PDB file of N, CA and C in Angstrom:
ATOM      1  N   MET A   1      -6.577  11.824  12.960  1.00  0.00           N
ATOM      2  CA  MET A   1      -8.500  10.851  12.166  1.00  0.00           C
ATOM      3  C   MET A   1      -9.043  10.719  13.359  1.00  0.00           C
ATOM      4  N   THR A   2     -10.135  10.588  13.384  1.00  0.00           N
ATOM      5  CA  THR A   2     -10.539   9.854  13.744  1.00  0.00           C
ATOM      6  C   THR A   2     -11.109   8.934  14.631  1.00  0.00           C
ATOM      7  N   GLY A   3     -11.907   8.595  15.234  1.00  0.00           N
ATOM      8  CA  GLY A   3     -12.026   6.673  15.232  1.00  0.00           C
ATOM      9  C   GLY A   3     -12.783   5.943  14.850  1.00  0.00           C
ATOM     10  N   GLN A   4     -13.408   7.138  13.445  1.00  0.00           N
ATOM     11  CA  GLN A   4     -14.478   6.989  12.619  1.00  0.00           C
ATOM     12  C   GLN A   4     -13.530   6.615  11.256  1.00  0.00           C
ATOM     13  N   THR A   5     -13.391   5.443  10.578  1.00  0.00           N
ATOM     14  CA  THR A   5     -12.868   5.919   9.340  1.00  0.00           C
ATOM     15  C   THR A   5     -13.447   5.053   8.742  1.00  0.00           C
ATOM     16  N   CYS A   6     -13.664   4.950   6.951  1.00  0.00           N
ATOM     17  CA  CYS A   6     -14.531   4.271   6.790  1.00  0.00           C
ATOM     18  C   CYS A   6     -13.928   3.017   5.945  1.00  0.00           C
ATOM     19  N   THR A   7     -14.104   2.157   5.569  1.00  0.00           N
ATOM     20  CA  THR A   7     -13.770   1.274   4.699  1.00  0.00           C
ATOM     21  C   THR A   7     -12.948   0.759   4.380  1.00  0.00           C
ATOM     22  N   GLY A   8     -13.143   1.301   3.172  1.00  0.00           N
ATOM     23  CA  GLY A   8     -12.107   2.238   2.064  1.00  0.00           C
ATOM     24  C   GLY A   8     -10.990   2.571   2.819  1.00  0.00           C
ATOM     25  N   THR A   9     -10.878   3.682   3.181  1.00  0.00           N
ATOM     26  CA  THR A   9      -9.970   4.165   3.981  1.00  0.00           C
ATOM     27  C   THR A   9      -8.621   3.101   4.567  1.00  0.00           C
ATOM     28  N   LYS A  10     -10.009   2.124   4.997  1.00  0.00           N
ATOM     29  CA  LYS A  10      -9.401   1.193   6.107  1.00  0.00           C
ATOM     30  C   LYS A  10      -8.470   0.294   5.425  1.00  0.00           C
ATOM     31  N   VAL A  11      -9.181  -0.448   4.034  1.00  0.00           N
ATOM     32  CA  VAL A  11      -8.889  -1.662   3.386  1.00  0.00           C
ATOM     33  C   VAL A  11      -7.011  -0.326   1.825  1.00  0.00           C
ATOM     34  N   ALA A  12      -7.935   0.548   2.347  1.00  0.00           N
ATOM     35  CA  ALA A  12      -5.740   1.375   2.007  1.00  0.00           C
ATOM     36  C   ALA A  12      -4.735   1.480   2.766  1.00  0.00           C
ATOM     37  N   GLN A  13      -4.940   1.303   4.104  1.00  0.00           N
ATOM     38  CA  GLN A  13      -3.936   1.916   4.235  1.00  0.00           C
ATOM     39  C   GLN A  13      -3.428   0.193   5.007  1.00  0.00           C
ATOM     40  N   VAL A  14      -4.485  -1.020   4.098  1.00  0.00           N
ATOM     41  CA  VAL A  14      -3.699  -2.121   5.349  1.00  0.00           C
ATOM     42  C   VAL A  14      -2.620  -1.949   3.995  1.00  0.00           C
ATOM     43  N   LEU A  15      -3.886  -2.159   2.354  1.00  0.00           N
ATOM     44  CA  LEU A  15      -2.564  -2.193   1.355  1.00  0.00           C
ATOM     45  C   LEU A  15      -1.759  -1.535   0.871  1.00  0.00           C
ATOM     46  N   LEU A  16      -1.611  -0.533   1.957  1.00  0.00           N
ATOM     47  CA  LEU A  16      -0.153   0.111   1.804  1.00  0.00           C
ATOM     48  C   LEU A  16       0.636   0.067   2.140  1.00  0.00           C
ATOM     49  N   ILE A  17       0.619  -0.768   4.226  1.00  0.00           N
ATOM     50  CA  ILE A  17       1.451  -1.267   4.446  1.00  0.00           C
ATOM     51  C   ILE A  17       2.437  -2.416   4.011  1.00  0.00           C
ATOM     52  N   ILE A  18       1.583  -3.334   3.129  1.00  0.00           N
ATOM     53  CA  ILE A  18       0.991  -4.747   2.496  1.00  0.00           C
ATOM     54  C   ILE A  18       2.738  -4.289   1.190  1.00  0.00           C
ATOM     55  N   GLY A  19       1.992  -2.795   0.817  1.00  0.00           N
ATOM     56  CA  GLY A  19       2.971  -2.311  -0.206  1.00  0.00           C
ATOM     57  C   GLY A  19       4.498  -1.889   0.239  1.00  0.00           C
ATOM     58  N   GLY A  20       3.771  -0.817   1.933  1.00  0.00           N
ATOM     59  CA  GLY A  20       5.949  -0.309   1.861  1.00  0.00           C
ATOM     60  C   GLY A  20       5.722  -1.617   2.133  1.00  0.00           C
ATOM     61  N   ILE A  21       5.608  -2.409   3.263  1.00  0.00           N
ATOM     62  CA  ILE A  21       6.806  -3.661   4.009  1.00  0.00           C
ATOM     63  C   ILE A  21       7.526  -4.479   2.297  1.00  0.00           C
ATOM     64  N   ASN A  22       6.664  -4.860   1.395  1.00  0.00           N
ATOM     65  CA  ASN A  22       7.541  -5.796  -0.160  1.00  0.00           C
ATOM     66  C   ASN A  22       8.177  -4.833  -0.130  1.00  0.00           C
ATOM     67  N   TRP A  23       7.914  -3.137  -0.262  1.00  0.00           N
ATOM     68  CA  TRP A  23       9.263  -2.514  -1.321  1.00  0.00           C
ATOM     69  C   TRP A  23      10.690  -2.653  -0.136  1.00  0.00           C
ATOM     70  N   GLY A  24       9.909  -2.846   1.292  1.00  0.00           N
ATOM     71  CA  GLY A  24      11.503  -2.228   2.206  1.00  0.00           C
ATOM     72  C   GLY A  24      12.208  -3.672   1.821  1.00  0.00           C
ATOM     73  N   LEU A  25      11.154  -4.821   2.253  1.00  0.00           N
ATOM     74  CA  LEU A  25      11.814  -6.054   1.648  1.00  0.00           C
ATOM     75  C   LEU A  25      12.557  -6.006   0.843  1.00  0.00           C
ATOM     76  N   VAL A  26      12.790  -5.060  -0.917  1.00  0.00           N
ATOM     77  CA  VAL A  26      13.014  -5.292  -2.219  1.00  0.00           C
ATOM     78  C   VAL A  26      14.302  -4.378  -2.180  1.00  0.00           C
ATOM     79  N   GLY A  27      13.720  -3.797  -1.441  1.00  0.00           N
ATOM     80  CA  GLY A  27      15.645  -2.700  -1.353  1.00  0.00           C
ATOM     81  C   GLY A  27      16.536  -3.809  -0.729  1.00  0.00           C
ATOM     82  N   LEU A  28      15.647  -3.919   0.730  1.00  0.00           N
ATOM     83  CA  LEU A  28      17.277  -4.273   1.707  1.00  0.00           C
ATOM     84  C   LEU A  28      17.001  -5.893   1.451  1.00  0.00           C
ATOM     85  N   GLY A  29      16.770  -6.798   0.569  1.00  0.00           N
ATOM     86  CA  GLY A  29      17.682  -7.983  -0.454  1.00  0.00           C
ATOM     87  C   GLY A  29      18.505  -7.382  -1.321  1.00  0.00           C
ATOM     88  N   THR A  30      18.175  -6.087  -1.565  1.00  0.00           N
ATOM     89  CA  THR A  30      19.229  -5.766  -2.965  1.00  0.00           C
ATOM     90  C   THR A  30      20.460  -5.170  -2.342  1.00  0.00           C
ATOM     91  N   LEU A  31      20.423  -4.207  -1.776  1.00  0.00           N
ATOM     92  CA  LEU A  31      21.107  -3.826  -0.614  1.00  0.00           C
ATOM     93  C   LEU A  31      22.482  -4.550   0.382  1.00  0.00           C
ATOM     94  N   LEU A  32      21.903  -5.636   0.575  1.00  0.00           N
ATOM     95  CA  LEU A  32      22.658  -6.246   1.365  1.00  0.00           C
ATOM     96  C   LEU A  32      22.832  -7.967   0.003  1.00  0.00           C
ATOM     97  N   GLY A  33      22.697  -7.543  -0.700  1.00  0.00           N
ATOM     98  CA  GLY A  33      22.934  -8.341  -1.922  1.00  0.00           C
ATOM     99  C   GLY A  33      22.253 -10.322  -2.196  1.00  0.00           C
ATOM    100  N   LYS A  34      21.108 -10.141  -1.201  1.00  0.00           N
ATOM    101  CA  LYS A  34      20.769 -11.861  -0.837  1.00  0.00           C
ATOM    102  C   LYS A  34      19.684 -11.701  -2.887  1.00  0.00           C
ATOM    103  N   GLY A  35      19.722 -10.244  -3.360  1.00  0.00           N
ATOM    104  CA  GLY A  35      18.495 -11.054  -4.332  1.00  0.00           C
ATOM    105  C   GLY A  35      16.946 -10.396  -3.493  1.00  0.00           C
ATOM    106  N   ASP A  36      16.205 -10.391  -4.762  1.00  0.00           N
ATOM    107  CA  ASP A  36      15.060 -10.109  -4.684  1.00  0.00           C
ATOM    108  C   ASP A  36      14.197 -11.098  -3.703  1.00  0.00           C
ATOM    109  N   TRP A  37      13.752  -9.893  -2.739  1.00  0.00           N
ATOM    110  CA  TRP A  37      12.789 -10.068  -1.764  1.00  0.00           C
ATOM    111  C   TRP A  37      11.193  -9.352  -1.608  1.00  0.00           C
ATOM    112  N   ASN A  38      10.903  -9.860  -3.479  1.00  0.00           N
ATOM    113  CA  ASN A  38       9.588  -8.786  -3.884  1.00  0.00           C
ATOM    114  C   ASN A  38       8.616 -10.036  -2.830  1.00  0.00           C
ATOM    115  N   VAL A  39       7.558 -10.120  -2.013  1.00  0.00           N
ATOM    116  CA  VAL A  39       6.710 -10.715  -1.740  1.00  0.00           C
ATOM    117  C   VAL A  39       5.634 -11.448  -3.113  1.00  0.00           C
ATOM    118  N   VAL A  40       5.101  -9.659  -3.370  1.00  0.00           N
ATOM    119  CA  VAL A  40       4.171 -10.407  -3.728  1.00  0.00           C
ATOM    120  C   VAL A  40       4.792 -11.379  -5.557  1.00  0.00           C
ATOM    121  N   HIS A  41       5.328 -10.726  -5.927  1.00  0.00           N
ATOM    122  CA  HIS A  41       5.881 -11.588  -6.320  1.00  0.00           C
ATOM    123  C   HIS A  41       6.430 -13.394  -6.417  1.00  0.00           C
ATOM    124  N   ALA A  42       6.913 -13.209  -5.466  1.00  0.00           N
ATOM    125  CA  ALA A  42       6.987 -14.330  -4.555  1.00  0.00           C
ATOM    126  C   ALA A  42       5.890 -15.595  -5.024  1.00  0.00           C
ATOM    127  N   LEU A  43       4.972 -14.719  -4.481  1.00  0.00           N
ATOM    128  CA  LEU A  43       3.149 -15.151  -4.125  1.00  0.00           C
ATOM    129  C   LEU A  43       2.354 -15.552  -5.326  1.00  0.00           C
ATOM    130  N   VAL A  44       3.114 -14.516  -6.160  1.00  0.00           N
ATOM    131  CA  VAL A  44       1.724 -15.066  -7.330  1.00  0.00           C
ATOM    132  C   VAL A  44       2.464 -13.881  -8.618  1.00  0.00           C
ATOM    133  N   GLY A  45       2.989 -14.019  -8.395  1.00  0.00           N
ATOM    134  CA  GLY A  45       4.239 -14.423  -9.421  1.00  0.00           C
ATOM    135  C   GLY A  45       4.637 -14.397 -10.921  1.00  0.00           C
ATOM    136  N   GLN A  46       3.703 -16.466 -11.179  1.00  0.00           N
ATOM    137  CA  GLN A  46       3.716 -16.968 -12.003  1.00  0.00           C
ATOM    138  C   GLN A  46       1.670 -16.284 -12.499  1.00  0.00           C
ATOM    139  N   TRP A  47       1.426 -15.904 -11.538  1.00  0.00           N
ATOM    140  CA  TRP A  47       0.087 -14.845 -12.770  1.00  0.00           C
ATOM    141  C   TRP A  47       0.588 -13.822 -12.675  1.00  0.00           C
ATOM    142  N   MET A  48       1.196 -12.825 -13.833  1.00  0.00           N
ATOM    143  CA  MET A  48       2.281 -11.942 -13.604  1.00  0.00           C
ATOM    144  C   MET A  48       0.275 -11.113 -14.282  1.00  0.00           C
ATOM    145  N   THR A  49      -0.499 -10.709 -14.566  1.00  0.00           N
ATOM    146  CA  THR A  49      -1.947  -9.576 -14.426  1.00  0.00           C
ATOM    147  C   THR A  49      -1.782  -9.501 -12.680  1.00  0.00           C
ATOM    148  N   VAL A  50      -2.389 -10.889 -12.706  1.00  0.00           N
ATOM    149  CA  VAL A  50      -2.778 -10.860 -10.766  1.00  0.00           C
ATOM    150  C   VAL A  50      -0.950 -10.094 -10.351  1.00  0.00           C
ATOM    151  N   GLU A  51       0.033 -10.085  -9.970  1.00  0.00           N
ATOM    152  CA  GLU A  51       1.000  -9.528  -9.635  1.00  0.00           C
ATOM    153  C   GLU A  51       0.531  -7.870  -9.909  1.00  0.00           C
ATOM    154  N   MET A  52       0.275  -8.056 -11.815  1.00  0.00           N
ATOM    155  CA  MET A  52      -0.074  -5.738 -11.326  1.00  0.00           C
ATOM    156  C   MET A  52      -1.389  -5.648 -11.149  1.00  0.00           C
ATOM    157  N   VAL A  53      -1.747  -6.399 -10.913  1.00  0.00           N
ATOM    158  CA  VAL A  53      -3.239  -4.863 -10.308  1.00  0.00           C
ATOM    159  C   VAL A  53      -3.048  -4.767  -8.760  1.00  0.00           C
ATOM    160  N   VAL A  54      -2.023  -5.823  -8.057  1.00  0.00           N
ATOM    161  CA  VAL A  54      -1.497  -6.058  -6.365  1.00  0.00           C
ATOM    162  C   VAL A  54      -0.891  -5.104  -6.855  1.00  0.00           C
ATOM    163  N   TYR A  55      -0.027  -5.044  -7.792  1.00  0.00           N
ATOM    164  CA  TYR A  55       0.615  -3.366  -7.378  1.00  0.00           C
ATOM    165  C   TYR A  55      -0.338  -1.393  -8.195  1.00  0.00           C
ATOM    166  N   VAL A  56      -1.286  -2.397  -8.665  1.00  0.00           N
ATOM    167  CA  VAL A  56      -2.346  -0.893  -8.609  1.00  0.00           C
ATOM    168  C   VAL A  56      -3.030  -1.375  -8.438  1.00  0.00           C
ATOM    169  N   LEU A  57      -3.537  -1.684  -7.421  1.00  0.00           N
ATOM    170  CA  LEU A  57      -4.302  -1.368  -5.948  1.00  0.00           C
ATOM    171  C   LEU A  57      -3.570  -0.940  -4.709  1.00  0.00           C
ATOM    172  N   VAL A  58      -2.137  -1.643  -4.926  1.00  0.00           N
ATOM    173  CA  VAL A  58      -1.267  -0.556  -3.811  1.00  0.00           C
ATOM    174  C   VAL A  58      -1.394   0.881  -4.329  1.00  0.00           C
ATOM    175  N   GLY A  59      -0.739   1.366  -4.865  1.00  0.00           N
ATOM    176  CA  GLY A  59      -1.011   2.822  -6.361  1.00  0.00           C
ATOM    177  C   GLY A  59      -2.729   3.613  -5.587  1.00  0.00           C
ATOM    178  N   LEU A  60      -3.458   2.819  -6.608  1.00  0.00           N
ATOM    179  CA  LEU A  60      -4.887   3.250  -5.749  1.00  0.00           C
ATOM    180  C   LEU A  60      -4.515   3.745  -4.148  1.00  0.00           C
ATOM    181  N   ALA A  61      -3.912   2.830  -3.920  1.00  0.00           N
ATOM    182  CA  ALA A  61      -4.578   2.913  -1.746  1.00  0.00           C
ATOM    183  C   ALA A  61      -4.351   4.049  -1.318  1.00  0.00           C
ATOM    184  N   ALA A  62      -2.994   4.083  -2.289  1.00  0.00           N
ATOM    185  CA  ALA A  62      -1.788   5.998  -2.429  1.00  0.00           C
ATOM    186  C   ALA A  62      -3.049   7.222  -2.029  1.00  0.00           C
ATOM    187  N   ILE A  63      -3.462   6.996  -3.626  1.00  0.00           N
ATOM    188  CA  ILE A  63      -3.948   8.207  -3.658  1.00  0.00           C
ATOM    189  C   ILE A  63      -5.472   8.288  -3.357  1.00  0.00           C
ATOM    190  N   LEU A  64      -6.221   7.754  -2.505  1.00  0.00           N
ATOM    191  CA  LEU A  64      -7.272   7.639  -1.781  1.00  0.00           C
ATOM    192  C   LEU A  64      -5.846   8.291  -0.286  1.00  0.00           C
ATOM    193  N   CYS A  65      -5.427   7.618   0.229  1.00  0.00           N
ATOM    194  CA  CYS A  65      -4.521   8.181   1.757  1.00  0.00           C
ATOM    195  C   CYS A  65      -4.584   9.150   1.563  1.00  0.00           C
ATOM    196  N   LEU A  66      -3.702   9.580   0.163  1.00  0.00           N
ATOM    197  CA  LEU A  66      -3.011  11.543  -0.354  1.00  0.00           C
ATOM    198  C   LEU A  66      -4.483  11.870  -0.154  1.00  0.00           C
ATOM    199  N   VAL A  67      -5.638  11.149  -0.985  1.00  0.00           N
ATOM    200  CA  VAL A  67      -6.987  12.001  -0.957  1.00  0.00           C
ATOM    201  C   VAL A  67      -7.805  12.775   0.190  1.00  0.00           C
ATOM    202  N   SER A  68      -7.768  12.034   1.141  1.00  0.00           N
ATOM    203  CA  SER A  68      -8.769  11.925   3.084  1.00  0.00           C
ATOM    204  C   SER A  68      -7.480  12.346   3.587  1.00  0.00           C
ATOM    205  N   TRP A  69      -6.603  11.774   3.502  1.00  0.00           N
ATOM    206  CA  TRP A  69      -4.994  12.896   4.108  1.00  0.00           C
ATOM    207  C   TRP A  69      -5.391  14.707   3.727  1.00  0.00           C
ATOM    208  N   ALA A  70      -5.260  14.823   3.056  1.00  0.00           N
ATOM    209  CA  ALA A  70      -5.503  16.154   1.862  1.00  0.00           C
ATOM    210  C   ALA A  70      -6.546  16.851   2.874  1.00  0.00           C
ATOM    211  N   LYS A  71      -7.972  15.536   3.239  1.00  0.00           N
ATOM    212  CA  LYS A  71      -8.861  16.538   3.822  1.00  0.00           C
ATOM    213  C   LYS A  71      -8.862  17.264   5.101  1.00  0.00           C
ATOM    214  N   CYS A  72      -7.962  16.536   5.618  1.00  0.00           N
ATOM    215  CA  CYS A  72      -8.180  16.659   6.500  1.00  0.00           C
ATOM    216  C   CYS A  72      -7.582  18.249   7.252  1.00  0.00           C
ATOM    217  N   CYS A  73      -8.233  18.989   7.951  1.00  0.00           N
ATOM    218  CA  CYS A  73      -7.810  20.529   8.499  1.00  0.00           C
ATOM    219  C   CYS A  73      -8.414  20.368   9.656  1.00  0.00           C
ATOM    220  N   GLY A  74      -8.037  21.255  11.110  1.00  0.00           N
ATOM    221  CA  GLY A  74      -7.812  21.602  12.354  1.00  0.00           C
ATOM    222  C   GLY A  74      -8.379  19.856  13.038  1.00  0.00           C
ATOM    223  N   GLY A  75      -7.530  19.097  12.785  1.00  0.00           N
ATOM    224  CA  GLY A  75      -7.665  17.178  13.699  1.00  0.00           C
ATOM    225  C   GLY A  75      -9.291  17.472  12.903  1.00  0.00           C
ATOM    226  N   LYS A  76      -9.841  17.867  12.649  1.00  0.00           N
ATOM    227  CA  LYS A  76     -10.840  16.471  12.154  1.00  0.00           C
ATOM    228  C   LYS A  76     -10.872  16.154  11.168  1.00  0.00           C
ATOM    229  N   CYS A  77     -10.348  14.715  10.303  1.00  0.00           N
ATOM    230  CA  CYS A  77     -10.773  14.318   9.128  1.00  0.00           C
ATOM    231  C   CYS A  77     -11.919  13.789   8.535  1.00  0.00           C
ATOM    232  N   SER A  78     -11.806  13.518   7.115  1.00  0.00           N
ATOM    233  CA  SER A  78     -13.821  12.844   7.150  1.00  0.00           C
ATOM    234  C   SER A  78     -12.759  12.949   5.648  1.00  0.00           C
ATOM    235  N   VAL A  79     -13.405  11.716   5.056  1.00  0.00           N
ATOM    236  CA  VAL A  79     -14.080  10.832   3.393  1.00  0.00           C
ATOM    237  C   VAL A  79     -15.117  11.019   3.111  1.00  0.00           C
ATOM    238  N   ASN A  80     -15.953  11.521   2.439  1.00  0.00           N
ATOM    239  CA  ASN A  80     -17.364  12.078   1.790  1.00  0.00           C
ATOM    240  C   ASN A  80     -16.879  11.463   0.096  1.00  0.00           C
TER     241      ASN A  80
END
């Protein structure tokens, strides 16, 4: 991508990083038999709706990043 990235894409990238780390910890905790290391659930699990909204936002972020990635051609990327 070029140095110019729209704010929506930057937010999407941050959400994907958060989601990726969260799922990595869930998998690691399960593999090691250490229990549930779901950080999103630990932080907002008492509010089920908020937790589900976070998961939906991470999913939408993935779609946005996929669409912006698909628009990249010849080393020049644009999100319009």
